[in-house]
C-alpha atoms as a PDB file:
ATOM      1  CA  UNK A   1      97.670 122.131 226.319  1.00  0.00           C
ATOM      2  CA  UNK A   2      94.292 123.191 227.760  1.00  0.00           C
ATOM      3  CA  UNK A   3      95.394 122.680 231.390  1.00  0.00           C
ATOM      4  CA  UNK A   4      98.678 124.493 230.770  1.00  0.00           C
ATOM      5  CA  UNK A   5      96.943 127.528 229.272  1.00  0.00           C
ATOM      6  CA  UNK A   6      94.334 127.553 232.032  1.00  0.00           C
ATOM      7  CA  UNK A   7      97.056 127.467 234.699  1.00  0.00           C
ATOM      8  CA  UNK A   8      98.813 130.430 233.044  1.00  0.00           C
ATOM      9  CA  UNK A   9      95.576 132.396 232.864  1.00  0.00           C
ATOM     10  CA  UNK A  10      94.784 131.713 236.522  1.00  0.00           C
ATOM     11  CA  UNK A  11      98.280 132.801 237.528  1.00  0.00           C
ATOM     12  CA  UNK A  12      98.051 136.079 235.608  1.00  0.00           C
ATOM     13  CA  UNK A  13      94.525 136.837 236.808  1.00  0.00           C
ATOM     14  CA  UNK A  14      95.626 136.505 240.425  1.00  0.00           C
ATOM     15  CA  UNK A  15      96.916 140.084 240.116  1.00  0.00           C
ATOM     16  CA  UNK A  16      93.415 141.398 239.309  1.00  0.00           C
ATOM     17  CA  UNK A  17      91.456 142.740 242.295  1.00  0.00           C
ATOM     18  CA  UNK A  18      89.256 140.007 243.761  1.00  0.00           C
ATOM     19  CA  UNK A  19      85.999 141.860 243.139  1.00  0.00           C
ATOM     20  CA  UNK A  20      86.555 141.806 239.353  1.00  0.00           C
ATOM     21  CA  UNK A  21      88.863 138.786 238.998  1.00  0.00           C
ATOM     22  CA  UNK A  22      87.443 136.137 236.657  1.00  0.00           C
ATOM     23  CA  UNK A  23      86.800 132.732 238.177  1.00  0.00           C
ATOM     24  CA  UNK A  24      88.456 129.557 236.953  1.00  0.00           C
ATOM     25  CA  UNK A  25      85.114 128.534 235.461  1.00  0.00           C
ATOM     26  CA  UNK A  26      84.959 131.807 233.517  1.00  0.00           C
ATOM     27  CA  UNK A  27      88.475 131.222 232.155  1.00  0.00           C
ATOM     28  CA  UNK A  28      87.913 127.612 231.055  1.00  0.00           C
ATOM     29  CA  UNK A  29      86.101 128.333 227.754  1.00  0.00           C
ATOM     30  CA  UNK A  30      88.893 130.685 226.665  1.00  0.00           C
ATOM     31  CA  UNK A  31      91.665 128.236 227.538  1.00  0.00           C
ATOM     32  CA  UNK A  32      89.810 125.436 225.774  1.00  0.00           C
ATOM     33  CA  UNK A  33      89.013 127.496 222.671  1.00  0.00           C
ATOM     34  CA  UNK A  34      92.616 128.676 222.375  1.00  0.00           C
ATOM     35  CA  UNK A  35      94.020 125.185 222.918  1.00  0.00           C
ATOM     36  CA  UNK A  36      91.644 123.766 220.300  1.00  0.00           C
ATOM     37  CA  UNK A  37      92.531 126.379 217.683  1.00  0.00           C
ATOM     38  CA  UNK A  38      96.152 127.440 218.161  1.00  0.00           C
ATOM     39  CA  UNK A  39      97.783 124.556 216.322  1.00  0.00           C
ATOM     40  CA  UNK A  40      99.599 122.956 219.257  1.00  0.00           C
ATOM     41  CA  UNK A  41     102.582 125.341 219.314  1.00  0.00           C
ATOM     42  CA  UNK A  42     102.929 126.031 223.046  1.00  0.00           C
ATOM     43  CA  UNK A  43     104.745 129.318 222.530  1.00  0.00           C
ATOM     44  CA  UNK A  44     102.094 130.637 220.107  1.00  0.00           C
ATOM     45  CA  UNK A  45      99.238 129.336 222.258  1.00  0.00           C
ATOM     46  CA  UNK A  46     100.651 130.898 225.426  1.00  0.00           C
ATOM     47  CA  UNK A  47     101.223 134.161 223.581  1.00  0.00           C
ATOM     48  CA  UNK A  48      97.586 134.188 222.427  1.00  0.00           C
ATOM     49  CA  UNK A  49      96.154 133.757 225.946  1.00  0.00           C
ATOM     50  CA  UNK A  50      98.657 136.361 227.214  1.00  0.00           C
ATOM     51  CA  UNK A  51      97.527 138.716 224.457  1.00  0.00           C
ATOM     52  CA  UNK A  52      93.889 138.301 225.497  1.00  0.00           C
ATOM     53  CA  UNK A  53      94.918 138.902 229.109  1.00  0.00           C
ATOM     54  CA  UNK A  54      96.707 142.123 228.176  1.00  0.00           C
ATOM     55  CA  UNK A  55      93.723 143.270 226.123  1.00  0.00           C
ATOM     56  CA  UNK A  56      90.894 142.364 228.503  1.00  0.00           C
ATOM     57  CA  UNK A  57      92.082 140.688 231.682  1.00  0.00           C
ATOM     58  CA  UNK A  58      89.242 138.262 230.886  1.00  0.00           C
ATOM     59  CA  UNK A  59      87.061 140.629 232.929  1.00  0.00           C
ATOM     60  CA  UNK A  60      83.376 139.772 232.953  1.00  0.00           C
ATOM     61  CA  UNK A  61      82.236 143.090 231.472  1.00  0.00           C
ATOM     62  CA  UNK A  62      84.450 142.422 228.445  1.00  0.00           C
ATOM     63  CA  UNK A  63      83.668 138.712 228.137  1.00  0.00           C
ATOM     64  CA  UNK A  64      79.900 139.274 228.262  1.00  0.00           C
ATOM     65  CA  UNK A  65      80.068 142.267 225.854  1.00  0.00           C
ATOM     66  CA  UNK A  66      78.813 144.838 228.393  1.00  0.00           C
ATOM     67  CA  UNK A  67      81.648 147.110 227.193  1.00  0.00           C
ATOM     68  CA  UNK A  68      79.994 147.236 223.793  1.00  0.00           C
ATOM     69  CA  UNK A  69      76.756 148.607 225.216  1.00  0.00           C
ATOM     70  CA  UNK A  70      76.704 152.418 225.374  1.00  0.00           C
ATOM     71  CA  UNK A  71      74.125 152.495 228.169  1.00  0.00           C
ATOM     72  CA  UNK A  72      76.204 150.111 230.277  1.00  0.00           C
ATOM     73  CA  UNK A  73      79.360 152.202 229.739  1.00  0.00           C
ATOM     74  CA  UNK A  74      77.466 155.345 230.757  1.00  0.00           C
ATOM     75  CA  UNK A  75      76.269 153.657 233.947  1.00  0.00           C
ATOM     76  CA  UNK A  76      79.809 152.401 234.724  1.00  0.00           C
ATOM     77  CA  UNK A  77      82.106 155.310 233.754  1.00  0.00           C
ATOM     78  CA  UNK A  78      85.044 154.160 235.903  1.00  0.00           C
ATOM     79  CA  UNK A  79      85.118 150.694 234.325  1.00  0.00           C
ATOM     80  CA  UNK A  80      87.856 149.921 231.832  1.00  0.00           C
ATOM     81  CA  UNK A  81      86.498 149.483 228.297  1.00  0.00           C
ATOM     82  CA  UNK A  82      87.869 150.254 224.844  1.00  0.00           C
ATOM     83  CA  UNK A  83      85.098 152.748 224.179  1.00  0.00           C
ATOM     84  CA  UNK A  84      82.872 149.950 222.906  1.00  0.00           C
ATOM     85  CA  UNK A  85      84.807 149.888 219.646  1.00  0.00           C
ATOM     86  CA  UNK A  86      86.517 146.528 220.151  1.00  0.00           C
ATOM     87  CA  UNK A  87      84.953 143.160 220.838  1.00  0.00           C
ATOM     88  CA  UNK A  88      85.725 140.122 222.978  1.00  0.00           C
ATOM     89  CA  UNK A  89      88.726 139.101 225.023  1.00  0.00           C
ATOM     90  CA  UNK A  90      91.177 139.889 222.210  1.00  0.00           C
ATOM     91  CA  UNK A  91      89.501 143.318 221.772  1.00  0.00           C
ATOM     92  CA  UNK A  92      89.274 143.085 217.989  1.00  0.00           C
ATOM     93  CA  UNK A  93      87.798 145.998 216.083  1.00  0.00           C
ATOM     94  CA  UNK A  94      85.135 145.517 213.412  1.00  0.00           C
ATOM     95  CA  UNK A  95      87.428 144.968 210.399  1.00  0.00           C
ATOM     96  CA  UNK A  96      88.642 141.432 211.185  1.00  0.00           C
ATOM     97  CA  UNK A  97      85.120 140.330 212.099  1.00  0.00           C
ATOM     98  CA  UNK A  98      83.652 141.672 208.859  1.00  0.00           C
ATOM     99  CA  UNK A  99      86.423 140.130 206.737  1.00  0.00           C
ATOM    100  CA  UNK A 100      85.804 136.775 208.447  1.00  0.00           C
ATOM    101  CA  UNK A 101      82.052 137.044 207.797  1.00  0.00           C
ATOM    102  CA  UNK A 102      81.299 136.968 211.527  1.00  0.00           C
ATOM    103  CA  UNK A 103      79.271 139.175 213.781  1.00  0.00           C
ATOM    104  CA  UNK A 104      81.268 140.087 216.880  1.00  0.00           C
ATOM    105  CA  UNK A 105      78.177 140.436 219.039  1.00  0.00           C
ATOM    106  CA  UNK A 106      77.922 137.324 221.165  1.00  0.00           C
ATOM    107  CA  UNK A 107      80.629 135.445 219.278  1.00  0.00           C
ATOM    108  CA  UNK A 108      81.543 132.243 221.074  1.00  0.00           C
ATOM    109  CA  UNK A 109      84.983 131.724 222.610  1.00  0.00           C
ATOM    110  CA  UNK A 110      85.702 129.240 219.810  1.00  0.00           C
ATOM    111  CA  UNK A 111      84.804 131.774 217.087  1.00  0.00           C
ATOM    112  CA  UNK A 112      86.894 134.446 218.793  1.00  0.00           C
ATOM    113  CA  UNK A 113      89.877 132.109 219.175  1.00  0.00           C
ATOM    114  CA  UNK A 114      89.700 131.037 215.520  1.00  0.00           C
ATOM    115  CA  UNK A 115      89.742 134.669 214.459  1.00  0.00           C
ATOM    116  CA  UNK A 116      92.584 135.607 216.825  1.00  0.00           C
ATOM    117  CA  UNK A 117      94.666 132.648 215.632  1.00  0.00           C
ATOM    118  CA  UNK A 118      94.112 133.614 211.984  1.00  0.00           C
ATOM    119  CA  UNK A 119      95.251 137.208 212.438  1.00  0.00           C
ATOM    120  CA  UNK A 120      98.881 138.293 212.150  1.00  0.00           C
ATOM    121  CA  UNK A 121     100.480 139.680 215.310  1.00  0.00           C
ATOM    122  CA  UNK A 122     100.500 143.099 213.676  1.00  0.00           C
ATOM    123  CA  UNK A 123      96.727 143.262 214.184  1.00  0.00           C
ATOM    124  CA  UNK A 124      97.449 144.317 217.772  1.00  0.00           C
ATOM    125  CA  UNK A 125      99.314 147.393 218.986  1.00  0.00           C
ATOM    126  CA  UNK A 126     103.077 147.016 219.348  1.00  0.00           C
ATOM    127  CA  UNK A 127     103.031 147.725 223.095  1.00  0.00           C
ATOM    128  CA  UNK A 128     100.317 145.127 223.668  1.00  0.00           C
ATOM    129  CA  UNK A 129     102.278 142.539 221.683  1.00  0.00           C
ATOM    130  CA  UNK A 130     105.454 143.328 223.602  1.00  0.00           C
ATOM    131  CA  UNK A 131     103.693 143.009 226.962  1.00  0.00           C
ATOM    132  CA  UNK A 132     102.020 139.750 225.912  1.00  0.00           C
ATOM    133  CA  UNK A 133     105.293 138.256 224.661  1.00  0.00           C
ATOM    134  CA  UNK A 134     106.976 139.212 227.948  1.00  0.00           C
ATOM    135  CA  UNK A 135     104.187 137.649 229.982  1.00  0.00           C
ATOM    136  CA  UNK A 136     104.117 134.467 227.882  1.00  0.00           C
ATOM    137  CA  UNK A 137     107.910 134.100 227.750  1.00  0.00           C
ATOM    138  CA  UNK A 138     108.234 134.548 231.519  1.00  0.00           C
ATOM    139  CA  UNK A 139     105.549 131.933 232.127  1.00  0.00           C
ATOM    140  CA  UNK A 140     107.156 129.488 229.688  1.00  0.00           C
ATOM    141  CA  UNK A 141     110.548 129.948 231.404  1.00  0.00           C
ATOM    142  CA  UNK A 142     109.195 129.358 234.897  1.00  0.00           C
ATOM    143  CA  UNK A 143     106.652 126.694 233.958  1.00  0.00           C
ATOM    144  CA  UNK A 144     108.146 124.428 231.266  1.00  0.00           C
ATOM    145  CA  UNK A 145     105.478 122.739 229.194  1.00  0.00           C
ATOM    146  CA  UNK A 146     105.313 118.974 229.043  1.00  0.00           C
ATOM    147  CA  UNK A 147     102.421 117.357 227.173  1.00  0.00           C
END
């Protein structure tokens, strides 16, 4: 499952401009954390990495929490961020973190994946879910999964 998710993430990230495109090494922890926590359902797992892609593009300034630093956002006004109000690659707001007893600041990929897996799809905006389902479904159709 890990290799399948990583391949999907690499394929989607190819559309990101090279100067901000995440490397394969940067994507690995997210593919591994999702694969280890998503319960083995390829459709659900692929949807979850697609959802993170739609939310963050796995861009470094989101992954390393720069977006959550007001001074960094001020110094980089043209950079896409969710106003510093959401955390991590799935761009979760404070509520889910607090309810899970976790601090979002510097949460590991594994902690973020566990939280994303535990949340209902309705935790994300309808448009984001629709885009993520479309991305995941298209990938699953063109790249059948075989364990």
